[in-house]
Amino acid sequence: MRGPRRPAGPEHGDALPVTTPSEDSAPGESAPQPSAPRDSAKDSAPSGGPAPRRRPQQRKQVLLRLDPQVYEALARWAGDELRSANAQIEFLLRRALAEAGRLPGDTGPLP
C-alpha cells in the first residue's frame, strides 16, 4: 500500500484561461462567459432597440501559386523565425506595404 503523497507544488497554483477573449471586447477586458446569462439591458441601445453589434471581420483567403524553390526558401525562412509559411507571407507583405506607405492605419495586428 502506498503512503500519503506530498502536497502539490507551485506548478498547480496558476489558473489559466481555456477560451480566447471575444473580438467584441476591448483589450484588457475579459470576455463574457458562454454559460453566463445575458443582460438584455446591456444589449440594447439607449433608444431601447438592439445595440448594433460589430461583426468580427473575416480574414481573406487567397490562393497563391509559387515556384517550388521559392516556397522552400520561404518555408525555411519562416522556420528560422518560428512562423508558419502563411504568417511569414503576411509579415513580409505588411512590411512591404508599410515601407511603401500603403499600409492602412487601422490595420489590426498580426494574429
PDB file of N, CA and C in Angstrom:
ATOM      1  N   MET A   1       0.842  -1.180   0.000  1.00  0.00           N
ATOM      2  CA  MET A   1       0.000   0.000   0.000  1.00  0.00           C
ATOM      3  C   MET A   1       0.886   1.241   0.000  1.00  0.00           C
ATOM      4  N   ARG A   2       0.469   2.237  -0.718  1.00  0.00           N
ATOM      5  CA  ARG A   2       1.232   3.466  -0.879  1.00  0.00           C
ATOM      6  C   ARG A   2       0.934   4.436   0.264  1.00  0.00           C
ATOM      7  N   GLY A   3       1.961   5.138   0.715  1.00  0.00           N
ATOM      8  CA  GLY A   3       1.799   6.111   1.788  1.00  0.00           C
ATOM      9  C   GLY A   3       1.214   7.410   1.262  1.00  0.00           C
ATOM     10  N   PRO A   4       1.020   8.384   2.141  1.00  0.00           N
ATOM     11  CA  PRO A   4       0.456   9.666   1.698  1.00  0.00           C
ATOM     12  C   PRO A   4       1.408  10.373   0.740  1.00  0.00           C
ATOM     13  N   ARG A   5       0.846  11.049  -0.222  1.00  0.00           N
ATOM     14  CA  ARG A   5       1.631  11.785  -1.211  1.00  0.00           C
ATOM     15  C   ARG A   5       1.936  13.177  -0.696  1.00  0.00           C
ATOM     16  N   ARG A   6       2.995  13.774  -1.267  1.00  0.00           N
ATOM     17  CA  ARG A   6       3.340  15.142  -0.887  1.00  0.00           C
ATOM     18  C   ARG A   6       2.323  16.102  -1.505  1.00  0.00           C
ATOM     19  N   PRO A   7       2.107  17.261  -0.894  1.00  0.00           N
ATOM     20  CA  PRO A   7       1.161  18.221  -1.485  1.00  0.00           C
ATOM     21  C   PRO A   7       1.677  18.739  -2.824  1.00  0.00           C
ATOM     22  N   ALA A   8       0.753  19.219  -3.625  1.00  0.00           N
ATOM     23  CA  ALA A   8       1.112  19.750  -4.943  1.00  0.00           C
ATOM     24  C   ALA A   8       2.027  20.953  -4.780  1.00  0.00           C
ATOM     25  N   GLY A   9       2.955  21.069  -5.691  1.00  0.00           N
ATOM     26  CA  GLY A   9       3.891  22.192  -5.677  1.00  0.00           C
ATOM     27  C   GLY A   9       3.281  23.418  -6.332  1.00  0.00           C
ATOM     28  N   PRO A  10       4.076  24.464  -6.526  1.00  0.00           N
ATOM     29  CA  PRO A  10       3.564  25.720  -7.082  1.00  0.00           C
ATOM     30  C   PRO A  10       3.117  25.610  -8.535  1.00  0.00           C
ATOM     31  N   GLU A  11       3.452  24.518  -9.221  1.00  0.00           N
ATOM     32  CA  GLU A  11       3.051  24.403 -10.623  1.00  0.00           C
ATOM     33  C   GLU A  11       1.543  24.299 -10.793  1.00  0.00           C
ATOM     34  N   HIS A  12       0.819  24.041  -9.710  1.00  0.00           N
ATOM     35  CA  HIS A  12      -0.639  23.924  -9.803  1.00  0.00           C
ATOM     36  C   HIS A  12      -1.353  25.158  -9.256  1.00  0.00           C
ATOM     37  N   GLY A  13      -0.633  26.247  -9.028  1.00  0.00           N
ATOM     38  CA  GLY A  13      -1.234  27.403  -8.394  1.00  0.00           C
ATOM     39  C   GLY A  13      -1.802  28.453  -9.332  1.00  0.00           C
ATOM     40  N   ASP A  14      -1.507  28.391 -10.624  1.00  0.00           N
ATOM     41  CA  ASP A  14      -1.950  29.439 -11.537  1.00  0.00           C
ATOM     42  C   ASP A  14      -3.104  28.961 -12.402  1.00  0.00           C
ATOM     43  N   ALA A  15      -4.205  29.685 -12.349  1.00  0.00           N
ATOM     44  CA  ALA A  15      -5.345  29.367 -13.206  1.00  0.00           C
ATOM     45  C   ALA A  15      -5.080  29.925 -14.596  1.00  0.00           C
ATOM     46  N   LEU A  16      -5.320  29.143 -15.616  1.00  0.00           N
ATOM     47  CA  LEU A  16      -5.118  29.581 -16.993  1.00  0.00           C
ATOM     48  C   LEU A  16      -6.450  29.597 -17.722  1.00  0.00           C
ATOM     49  N   PRO A  17      -6.713  30.623 -18.528  1.00  0.00           N
ATOM     50  CA  PRO A  17      -7.963  30.650 -19.295  1.00  0.00           C
ATOM     51  C   PRO A  17      -7.930  29.582 -20.382  1.00  0.00           C
ATOM     52  N   VAL A  18      -9.071  28.986 -20.650  1.00  0.00           N
ATOM     53  CA  VAL A  18      -9.150  27.979 -21.704  1.00  0.00           C
ATOM     54  C   VAL A  18      -9.912  28.487 -22.914  1.00  0.00           C
ATOM     55  N   THR A  19     -10.363  29.717 -22.864  1.00  0.00           N
ATOM     56  CA  THR A  19     -11.043  30.308 -24.006  1.00  0.00           C
ATOM     57  C   THR A  19     -10.310  31.574 -24.399  1.00  0.00           C
ATOM     58  N   THR A  20     -10.486  31.979 -25.648  1.00  0.00           N
ATOM     59  CA  THR A  20      -9.873  33.217 -26.103  1.00  0.00           C
ATOM     60  C   THR A  20     -10.857  34.350 -25.887  1.00  0.00           C
ATOM     61  N   PRO A  21     -10.357  35.559 -25.661  1.00  0.00           N
ATOM     62  CA  PRO A  21     -11.269  36.687 -25.491  1.00  0.00           C
ATOM     63  C   PRO A  21     -12.064  36.945 -26.760  1.00  0.00           C
ATOM     64  N   SER A  22     -13.253  37.419 -26.579  1.00  0.00           N
ATOM     65  CA  SER A  22     -14.122  37.734 -27.706  1.00  0.00           C
ATOM     66  C   SER A  22     -13.554  38.899 -28.492  1.00  0.00           C
ATOM     67  N   GLU A  23     -13.820  38.925 -29.802  1.00  0.00           N
ATOM     68  CA  GLU A  23     -13.339  40.025 -30.620  1.00  0.00           C
ATOM     69  C   GLU A  23     -14.098  41.314 -30.314  1.00  0.00           C
ATOM     70  N   ASP A  24     -15.265  41.198 -29.686  1.00  0.00           N
ATOM     71  CA  ASP A  24     -16.047  42.383 -29.358  1.00  0.00           C
ATOM     72  C   ASP A  24     -15.510  43.084 -28.123  1.00  0.00           C
ATOM     73  N   SER A  25     -14.760  42.381 -27.265  1.00  0.00           N
ATOM     74  CA  SER A  25     -14.295  43.002 -26.036  1.00  0.00           C
ATOM     75  C   SER A  25     -13.044  43.814 -26.294  1.00  0.00           C
ATOM     76  N   ALA A  26     -12.889  44.850 -25.509  1.00  0.00           N
ATOM     77  CA  ALA A  26     -11.721  45.729 -25.647  1.00  0.00           C
ATOM     78  C   ALA A  26     -10.500  45.034 -25.067  1.00  0.00           C
ATOM     79  N   PRO A  27      -9.290  45.435 -25.469  1.00  0.00           N
ATOM     80  CA  PRO A  27      -8.087  44.836 -24.901  1.00  0.00           C
ATOM     81  C   PRO A  27      -8.052  45.034 -23.394  1.00  0.00           C
ATOM     82  N   GLY A  28      -7.688  43.993 -22.678  1.00  0.00           N
ATOM     83  CA  GLY A  28      -7.626  44.055 -21.231  1.00  0.00           C
ATOM     84  C   GLY A  28      -8.961  43.775 -20.568  1.00  0.00           C
ATOM     85  N   GLU A  29     -10.009  43.641 -21.327  1.00  0.00           N
ATOM     86  CA  GLU A  29     -11.331  43.374 -20.789  1.00  0.00           C
ATOM     87  C   GLU A  29     -11.633  41.909 -20.983  1.00  0.00           C
ATOM     88  N   SER A  30     -12.141  41.253 -19.950  1.00  0.00           N
ATOM     89  CA  SER A  30     -12.401  39.826 -20.091  1.00  0.00           C
ATOM     90  C   SER A  30     -13.669  39.603 -20.896  1.00  0.00           C
ATOM     91  N   ALA A  31     -13.669  38.523 -21.637  1.00  0.00           N
ATOM     92  CA  ALA A  31     -14.811  38.187 -22.478  1.00  0.00           C
ATOM     93  C   ALA A  31     -15.910  37.583 -21.618  1.00  0.00           C
ATOM     94  N   PRO A  32     -17.173  37.769 -21.982  1.00  0.00           N
ATOM     95  CA  PRO A  32     -18.251  37.159 -21.217  1.00  0.00           C
ATOM     96  C   PRO A  32     -18.195  35.649 -21.350  1.00  0.00           C
ATOM     97  N   GLN A  33     -18.533  34.975 -20.266  1.00  0.00           N
ATOM     98  CA  GLN A  33     -18.529  33.518 -20.274  1.00  0.00           C
ATOM     99  C   GLN A  33     -19.735  33.023 -21.059  1.00  0.00           C
ATOM    100  N   PRO A  34     -19.571  31.952 -21.861  1.00  0.00           N
ATOM    101  CA  PRO A  34     -20.668  31.483 -22.693  1.00  0.00           C
ATOM    102  C   PRO A  34     -21.869  31.020 -21.887  1.00  0.00           C
ATOM    103  N   SER A  35     -21.656  30.490 -20.672  1.00  0.00           N
ATOM    104  CA  SER A  35     -22.769  29.976 -19.899  1.00  0.00           C
ATOM    105  C   SER A  35     -23.449  31.062 -19.068  1.00  0.00           C
ATOM    106  N   ALA A  36     -22.868  32.254 -19.011  1.00  0.00           N
ATOM    107  CA  ALA A  36     -23.447  33.333 -18.225  1.00  0.00           C
ATOM    108  C   ALA A  36     -24.693  33.874 -18.920  1.00  0.00           C
ATOM    109  N   PRO A  37     -25.775  34.129 -18.156  1.00  0.00           N
ATOM    110  CA  PRO A  37     -26.970  34.694 -18.787  1.00  0.00           C
ATOM    111  C   PRO A  37     -26.695  36.111 -19.256  1.00  0.00           C
ATOM    112  N   ARG A  38     -27.257  36.471 -20.379  1.00  0.00           N
ATOM    113  CA  ARG A  38     -27.049  37.804 -20.948  1.00  0.00           C
ATOM    114  C   ARG A  38     -28.053  38.769 -20.337  1.00  0.00           C
ATOM    115  N   ASP A  39     -27.609  39.950 -20.066  1.00  0.00           N
ATOM    116  CA  ASP A  39     -28.459  41.002 -19.537  1.00  0.00           C
ATOM    117  C   ASP A  39     -29.020  41.783 -20.713  1.00  0.00           C
ATOM    118  N   SER A  40     -30.332  41.741 -20.904  1.00  0.00           N
ATOM    119  CA  SER A  40     -30.917  42.397 -22.073  1.00  0.00           C
ATOM    120  C   SER A  40     -30.751  43.911 -22.009  1.00  0.00           C
ATOM    121  N   ALA A  41     -30.608  44.492 -20.822  1.00  0.00           N
ATOM    122  CA  ALA A  41     -30.409  45.932 -20.722  1.00  0.00           C
ATOM    123  C   ALA A  41     -29.056  46.334 -21.291  1.00  0.00           C
ATOM    124  N   LYS A  42     -28.065  45.468 -21.153  1.00  0.00           N
ATOM    125  CA  LYS A  42     -26.741  45.763 -21.692  1.00  0.00           C
ATOM    126  C   LYS A  42     -26.729  45.692 -23.208  1.00  0.00           C
ATOM    127  N   ASP A  43     -27.526  44.789 -23.781  1.00  0.00           N
ATOM    128  CA  ASP A  43     -27.505  44.542 -25.214  1.00  0.00           C
ATOM    129  C   ASP A  43     -28.393  45.486 -26.007  1.00  0.00           C
ATOM    130  N   SER A  44     -29.035  46.439 -25.352  1.00  0.00           N
ATOM    131  CA  SER A  44     -29.901  47.333 -26.105  1.00  0.00           C
ATOM    132  C   SER A  44     -29.320  48.738 -26.113  1.00  0.00           C
ATOM    133  N   ALA A  45     -29.637  49.451 -27.151  1.00  0.00           N
ATOM    134  CA  ALA A  45     -29.175  50.828 -27.300  1.00  0.00           C
ATOM    135  C   ALA A  45     -30.011  51.724 -26.400  1.00  0.00           C
ATOM    136  N   PRO A  46     -29.573  52.972 -26.142  1.00  0.00           N
ATOM    137  CA  PRO A  46     -30.346  53.879 -25.296  1.00  0.00           C
ATOM    138  C   PRO A  46     -31.766  54.094 -25.809  1.00  0.00           C
ATOM    139  N   SER A  47     -31.996  53.973 -27.105  1.00  0.00           N
ATOM    140  CA  SER A  47     -33.333  54.166 -27.655  1.00  0.00           C
ATOM    141  C   SER A  47     -34.239  52.979 -27.368  1.00  0.00           C
ATOM    142  N   GLY A  48     -33.694  51.910 -26.795  1.00  0.00           N
ATOM    143  CA  GLY A  48     -34.497  50.744 -26.489  1.00  0.00           C
ATOM    144  C   GLY A  48     -34.354  49.645 -27.522  1.00  0.00           C
ATOM    145  N   GLY A  49     -33.823  49.961 -28.689  1.00  0.00           N
ATOM    146  CA  GLY A  49     -33.622  48.948 -29.723  1.00  0.00           C
ATOM    147  C   GLY A  49     -32.344  48.168 -29.476  1.00  0.00           C
ATOM    148  N   PRO A  50     -32.131  47.130 -30.244  1.00  0.00           N
ATOM    149  CA  PRO A  50     -30.909  46.348 -30.051  1.00  0.00           C
ATOM    150  C   PRO A  50     -29.679  47.160 -30.435  1.00  0.00           C
ATOM    151  N   ALA A  51     -28.621  46.971 -29.673  1.00  0.00           N
ATOM    152  CA  ALA A  51     -27.361  47.678 -29.947  1.00  0.00           C
ATOM    153  C   ALA A  51     -26.733  47.105 -31.211  1.00  0.00           C
ATOM    154  N   PRO A  52     -26.179  47.955 -32.048  1.00  0.00           N
ATOM    155  CA  PRO A  52     -25.514  47.431 -33.246  1.00  0.00           C
ATOM    156  C   PRO A  52     -24.279  46.642 -32.836  1.00  0.00           C
ATOM    157  N   ARG A  53     -24.195  45.393 -33.269  1.00  0.00           N
ATOM    158  CA  ARG A  53     -23.074  44.522 -32.927  1.00  0.00           C
ATOM    159  C   ARG A  53     -22.094  44.522 -34.083  1.00  0.00           C
ATOM    160  N   ARG A  54     -20.827  44.753 -33.766  1.00  0.00           N
ATOM    161  CA  ARG A  54     -19.796  44.732 -34.795  1.00  0.00           C
ATOM    162  C   ARG A  54     -19.415  43.283 -35.065  1.00  0.00           C
ATOM    163  N   ARG A  55     -19.526  42.882 -36.302  1.00  0.00           N
ATOM    164  CA  ARG A  55     -19.145  41.520 -36.669  1.00  0.00           C
ATOM    165  C   ARG A  55     -17.630  41.438 -36.783  1.00  0.00           C
ATOM    166  N   PRO A  56     -17.049  40.351 -36.285  1.00  0.00           N
ATOM    167  CA  PRO A  56     -15.611  40.203 -36.479  1.00  0.00           C
ATOM    168  C   PRO A  56     -15.305  40.047 -37.965  1.00  0.00           C
ATOM    169  N   GLN A  57     -14.339  40.805 -38.432  1.00  0.00           N
ATOM    170  CA  GLN A  57     -14.012  40.771 -39.853  1.00  0.00           C
ATOM    171  C   GLN A  57     -13.293  39.470 -40.179  1.00  0.00           C
ATOM    172  N   GLN A  58     -13.787  38.790 -41.189  1.00  0.00           N
ATOM    173  CA  GLN A  58     -13.176  37.531 -41.610  1.00  0.00           C
ATOM    174  C   GLN A  58     -11.884  37.807 -42.353  1.00  0.00           C
ATOM    175  N   ARG A  59     -10.921  36.941 -42.175  1.00  0.00           N
ATOM    176  CA  ARG A  59      -9.659  37.066 -42.895  1.00  0.00           C
ATOM    177  C   ARG A  59      -9.867  36.546 -44.306  1.00  0.00           C
ATOM    178  N   LYS A  60      -9.281  37.214 -45.262  1.00  0.00           N
ATOM    179  CA  LYS A  60      -9.404  36.826 -46.669  1.00  0.00           C
ATOM    180  C   LYS A  60      -8.543  35.603 -46.946  1.00  0.00           C
ATOM    181  N   GLN A  61      -9.090  34.694 -47.727  1.00  0.00           N
ATOM    182  CA  GLN A  61      -8.338  33.528 -48.168  1.00  0.00           C
ATOM    183  C   GLN A  61      -7.901  33.775 -49.600  1.00  0.00           C
ATOM    184  N   VAL A  62      -6.614  33.581 -49.859  1.00  0.00           N
ATOM    185  CA  VAL A  62      -6.055  33.863 -51.173  1.00  0.00           C
ATOM    186  C   VAL A  62      -5.279  32.645 -51.652  1.00  0.00           C
ATOM    187  N   LEU A  63      -5.539  32.244 -52.874  1.00  0.00           N
ATOM    188  CA  LEU A  63      -4.763  31.172 -53.484  1.00  0.00           C
ATOM    189  C   LEU A  63      -3.510  31.799 -54.076  1.00  0.00           C
ATOM    190  N   LEU A  64      -2.360  31.299 -53.697  1.00  0.00           N
ATOM    191  CA  LEU A  64      -1.096  31.859 -54.159  1.00  0.00           C
ATOM    192  C   LEU A  64      -0.276  30.746 -54.791  1.00  0.00           C
ATOM    193  N   ARG A  65       0.080  30.927 -56.031  1.00  0.00           N
ATOM    194  CA  ARG A  65       0.910  29.943 -56.724  1.00  0.00           C
ATOM    195  C   ARG A  65       2.354  30.423 -56.677  1.00  0.00           C
ATOM    196  N   LEU A  66       3.232  29.575 -56.151  1.00  0.00           N
ATOM    197  CA  LEU A  66       4.641  29.913 -56.025  1.00  0.00           C
ATOM    198  C   LEU A  66       5.493  28.850 -56.688  1.00  0.00           C
ATOM    199  N   ASP A  67       6.619  29.267 -57.174  1.00  0.00           N
ATOM    200  CA  ASP A  67       7.625  28.329 -57.656  1.00  0.00           C
ATOM    201  C   ASP A  67       8.039  27.459 -56.461  1.00  0.00           C
ATOM    202  N   PRO A  68       8.187  26.155 -56.641  1.00  0.00           N
ATOM    203  CA  PRO A  68       8.537  25.279 -55.516  1.00  0.00           C
ATOM    204  C   PRO A  68       9.809  25.708 -54.780  1.00  0.00           C
ATOM    205  N   GLN A  69      10.801  26.207 -55.501  1.00  0.00           N
ATOM    206  CA  GLN A  69      12.034  26.636 -54.840  1.00  0.00           C
ATOM    207  C   GLN A  69      11.815  27.907 -54.022  1.00  0.00           C
ATOM    208  N   VAL A  70      10.957  28.785 -54.516  1.00  0.00           N
ATOM    209  CA  VAL A  70      10.625  29.996 -53.755  1.00  0.00           C
ATOM    210  C   VAL A  70       9.897  29.598 -52.474  1.00  0.00           C
ATOM    211  N   TYR A  71       8.961  28.649 -52.584  1.00  0.00           N
ATOM    212  CA  TYR A  71       8.230  28.202 -51.399  1.00  0.00           C
ATOM    213  C   TYR A  71       9.175  27.556 -50.384  1.00  0.00           C
ATOM    214  N   GLU A  72      10.090  26.725 -50.852  1.00  0.00           N
ATOM    215  CA  GLU A  72      11.044  26.077 -49.943  1.00  0.00           C
ATOM    216  C   GLU A  72      11.888  27.117 -49.209  1.00  0.00           C
ATOM    217  N   ALA A  73      12.360  28.130 -49.933  1.00  0.00           N
ATOM    218  CA  ALA A  73      13.150  29.188 -49.299  1.00  0.00           C
ATOM    219  C   ALA A  73      12.303  29.949 -48.278  1.00  0.00           C
ATOM    220  N   LEU A  74      11.050  30.226 -48.637  1.00  0.00           N
ATOM    221  CA  LEU A  74      10.134  30.920 -47.735  1.00  0.00           C
ATOM    222  C   LEU A  74       9.864  30.078 -46.489  1.00  0.00           C
ATOM    223  N   ALA A  75       9.632  28.783 -46.677  1.00  0.00           N
ATOM    224  CA  ALA A  75       9.357  27.894 -45.547  1.00  0.00           C
ATOM    225  C   ALA A  75      10.569  27.803 -44.616  1.00  0.00           C
ATOM    226  N   ARG A  76      11.773  27.754 -45.176  1.00  0.00           N
ATOM    227  CA  ARG A  76      12.981  27.734 -44.335  1.00  0.00           C
ATOM    228  C   ARG A  76      13.097  29.031 -43.535  1.00  0.00           C
ATOM    229  N   TRP A  77      12.864  30.156 -44.204  1.00  0.00           N
ATOM    230  CA  TRP A  77      12.927  31.454 -43.540  1.00  0.00           C
ATOM    231  C   TRP A  77      11.879  31.530 -42.426  1.00  0.00           C
ATOM    232  N   ALA A  78      10.675  31.074 -42.718  1.00  0.00           N
ATOM    233  CA  ALA A  78       9.606  31.078 -41.716  1.00  0.00           C
ATOM    234  C   ALA A  78       9.999  30.216 -40.522  1.00  0.00           C
ATOM    235  N   GLY A  79      10.568  29.046 -40.786  1.00  0.00           N
ATOM    236  CA  GLY A  79      11.000  28.170 -39.702  1.00  0.00           C
ATOM    237  C   GLY A  79      12.070  28.807 -38.837  1.00  0.00           C
ATOM    238  N   ASP A  80      12.982  29.542 -39.462  1.00  0.00           N
ATOM    239  CA  ASP A  80      14.032  30.229 -38.705  1.00  0.00           C
ATOM    240  C   ASP A  80      13.445  31.262 -37.748  1.00  0.00           C
ATOM    241  N   GLU A  81      12.320  31.858 -38.127  1.00  0.00           N
ATOM    242  CA  GLU A  81      11.688  32.893 -37.303  1.00  0.00           C
ATOM    243  C   GLU A  81      10.485  32.362 -36.526  1.00  0.00           C
ATOM    244  N   LEU A  82      10.348  31.026 -36.489  1.00  0.00           N
ATOM    245  CA  LEU A  82       9.271  30.358 -35.747  1.00  0.00           C
ATOM    246  C   LEU A  82       7.884  30.822 -36.188  1.00  0.00           C
ATOM    247  N   ARG A  83       7.709  30.950 -37.482  1.00  0.00           N
ATOM    248  CA  ARG A  83       6.413  31.306 -38.065  1.00  0.00           C
ATOM    249  C   ARG A  83       6.005  30.217 -39.037  1.00  0.00           C
ATOM    250  N   SER A  84       4.718  30.192 -39.357  1.00  0.00           N
ATOM    251  CA  SER A  84       4.247  29.335 -40.441  1.00  0.00           C
ATOM    252  C   SER A  84       4.544  30.046 -41.755  1.00  0.00           C
ATOM    253  N   ALA A  85       4.466  29.317 -42.849  1.00  0.00           N
ATOM    254  CA  ALA A  85       4.690  29.938 -44.160  1.00  0.00           C
ATOM    255  C   ALA A  85       3.646  31.027 -44.406  1.00  0.00           C
ATOM    256  N   ASN A  86       2.391  30.777 -44.023  1.00  0.00           N
ATOM    257  CA  ASN A  86       1.340  31.788 -44.190  1.00  0.00           C
ATOM    258  C   ASN A  86       1.654  33.052 -43.395  1.00  0.00           C
ATOM    259  N   ALA A  87       2.057  32.880 -42.136  1.00  0.00           N
ATOM    260  CA  ALA A  87       2.374  34.039 -41.295  1.00  0.00           C
ATOM    261  C   ALA A  87       3.577  34.799 -41.852  1.00  0.00           C
ATOM    262  N   GLN A  88       4.542  34.072 -42.413  1.00  0.00           N
ATOM    263  CA  GLN A  88       5.715  34.732 -42.988  1.00  0.00           C
ATOM    264  C   GLN A  88       5.318  35.559 -44.209  1.00  0.00           C
ATOM    265  N   ILE A  89       4.442  35.015 -45.046  1.00  0.00           N
ATOM    266  CA  ILE A  89       3.973  35.757 -46.222  1.00  0.00           C
ATOM    267  C   ILE A  89       3.253  37.030 -45.779  1.00  0.00           C
ATOM    268  N   GLU A  90       2.358  36.905 -44.783  1.00  0.00           N
ATOM    269  CA  GLU A  90       1.634  38.089 -44.316  1.00  0.00           C
ATOM    270  C   GLU A  90       2.587  39.103 -43.689  1.00  0.00           C
ATOM    271  N   PHE A  91       3.572  38.634 -42.924  1.00  0.00           N
ATOM    272  CA  PHE A  91       4.559  39.524 -42.319  1.00  0.00           C
ATOM    273  C   PHE A  91       5.309  40.303 -43.394  1.00  0.00           C
ATOM    274  N   LEU A  92       5.757  39.602 -44.432  1.00  0.00           N
ATOM    275  CA  LEU A  92       6.522  40.253 -45.500  1.00  0.00           C
ATOM    276  C   LEU A  92       5.658  41.229 -46.295  1.00  0.00           C
ATOM    277  N   LEU A  93       4.410  40.849 -46.558  1.00  0.00           N
ATOM    278  CA  LEU A  93       3.513  41.753 -47.286  1.00  0.00           C
ATOM    279  C   LEU A  93       3.223  43.017 -46.472  1.00  0.00           C
ATOM    280  N   ARG A  94       2.982  42.858 -45.178  1.00  0.00           N
ATOM    281  CA  ARG A  94       2.729  44.026 -44.327  1.00  0.00           C
ATOM    282  C   ARG A  94       3.951  44.941 -44.281  1.00  0.00           C
ATOM    283  N   ARG A  95       5.143  44.343 -44.173  1.00  0.00           N
ATOM    284  CA  ARG A  95       6.363  45.148 -44.126  1.00  0.00           C
ATOM    285  C   ARG A  95       6.547  45.915 -45.437  1.00  0.00           C
ATOM    286  N   ALA A  96       6.304  45.238 -46.567  1.00  0.00           N
ATOM    287  CA  ALA A  96       6.444  45.906 -47.867  1.00  0.00           C
ATOM    288  C   ALA A  96       5.419  47.032 -48.010  1.00  0.00           C
ATOM    289  N   LEU A  97       4.181  46.795 -47.572  1.00  0.00           N
ATOM    290  CA  LEU A  97       3.158  47.843 -47.638  1.00  0.00           C
ATOM    291  C   LEU A  97       3.525  49.029 -46.748  1.00  0.00           C
ATOM    292  N   ALA A  98       4.029  48.752 -45.554  1.00  0.00           N
ATOM    293  CA  ALA A  98       4.417  49.834 -44.642  1.00  0.00           C
ATOM    294  C   ALA A  98       5.570  50.647 -45.226  1.00  0.00           C
ATOM    295  N   GLU A  99       6.554  49.970 -45.803  1.00  0.00           N
ATOM    296  CA  GLU A  99       7.695  50.682 -46.392  1.00  0.00           C
ATOM    297  C   GLU A  99       7.270  51.545 -47.574  1.00  0.00           C
ATOM    298  N   ALA A 100       6.245  51.097 -48.305  1.00  0.00           N
ATOM    299  CA  ALA A 100       5.761  51.858 -49.453  1.00  0.00           C
ATOM    300  C   ALA A 100       4.744  52.925 -49.046  1.00  0.00           C
ATOM    301  N   GLY A 101       4.390  52.959 -47.743  1.00  0.00           N
ATOM    302  CA  GLY A 101       3.408  53.931 -47.276  1.00  0.00           C
ATOM    303  C   GLY A 101       1.992  53.577 -47.685  1.00  0.00           C
ATOM    304  N   ARG A 102       1.722  52.315 -47.920  1.00  0.00           N
ATOM    305  CA  ARG A 102       0.398  51.895 -48.381  1.00  0.00           C
ATOM    306  C   ARG A 102      -0.359  51.033 -47.369  1.00  0.00           C
ATOM    307  N   LEU A 103       0.206  50.811 -46.195  1.00  0.00           N
ATOM    308  CA  LEU A 103      -0.477  50.015 -45.178  1.00  0.00           C
ATOM    309  C   LEU A 103      -1.508  50.897 -44.486  1.00  0.00           C
ATOM    310  N   PRO A 104      -2.801  50.533 -44.518  1.00  0.00           N
ATOM    311  CA  PRO A 104      -3.820  51.358 -43.862  1.00  0.00           C
ATOM    312  C   PRO A 104      -3.543  51.482 -42.363  1.00  0.00           C
ATOM    313  N   GLY A 105      -3.825  52.652 -41.817  1.00  0.00           N
ATOM    314  CA  GLY A 105      -3.564  52.912 -40.406  1.00  0.00           C
ATOM    315  C   GLY A 105      -4.396  52.081 -39.456  1.00  0.00           C
ATOM    316  N   ASP A 106      -5.584  51.657 -39.884  1.00  0.00           N
ATOM    317  CA  ASP A 106      -6.456  50.889 -38.998  1.00  0.00           C
ATOM    318  C   ASP A 106      -6.256  49.382 -39.144  1.00  0.00           C
ATOM    319  N   THR A 107      -5.163  48.968 -39.761  1.00  0.00           N
ATOM    320  CA  THR A 107      -4.878  47.548 -39.916  1.00  0.00           C
ATOM    321  C   THR A 107      -4.574  46.958 -38.551  1.00  0.00           C
ATOM    322  N   GLY A 108      -5.216  45.843 -38.238  1.00  0.00           N
ATOM    323  CA  GLY A 108      -5.004  45.192 -36.952  1.00  0.00           C
ATOM    324  C   GLY A 108      -3.652  44.512 -36.875  1.00  0.00           C
ATOM    325  N   PRO A 109      -3.303  44.035 -35.677  1.00  0.00           N
ATOM    326  CA  PRO A 109      -2.021  43.361 -35.510  1.00  0.00           C
ATOM    327  C   PRO A 109      -2.041  41.978 -36.151  1.00  0.00           C
ATOM    328  N   LEU A 110      -0.873  41.417 -36.327  1.00  0.00           N
ATOM    329  CA  LEU A 110      -0.790  40.048 -36.836  1.00  0.00           C
ATOM    330  C   LEU A 110      -1.440  39.116 -35.827  1.00  0.00           C
ATOM    331  N   PRO A 111      -2.202  38.137 -36.289  1.00  0.00           N
ATOM    332  CA  PRO A 111      -2.832  37.200 -35.343  1.00  0.00           C
ATOM    333  C   PRO A 111      -1.832  36.281 -34.700  1.00  0.00           C
TER     334      PRO A 111
END
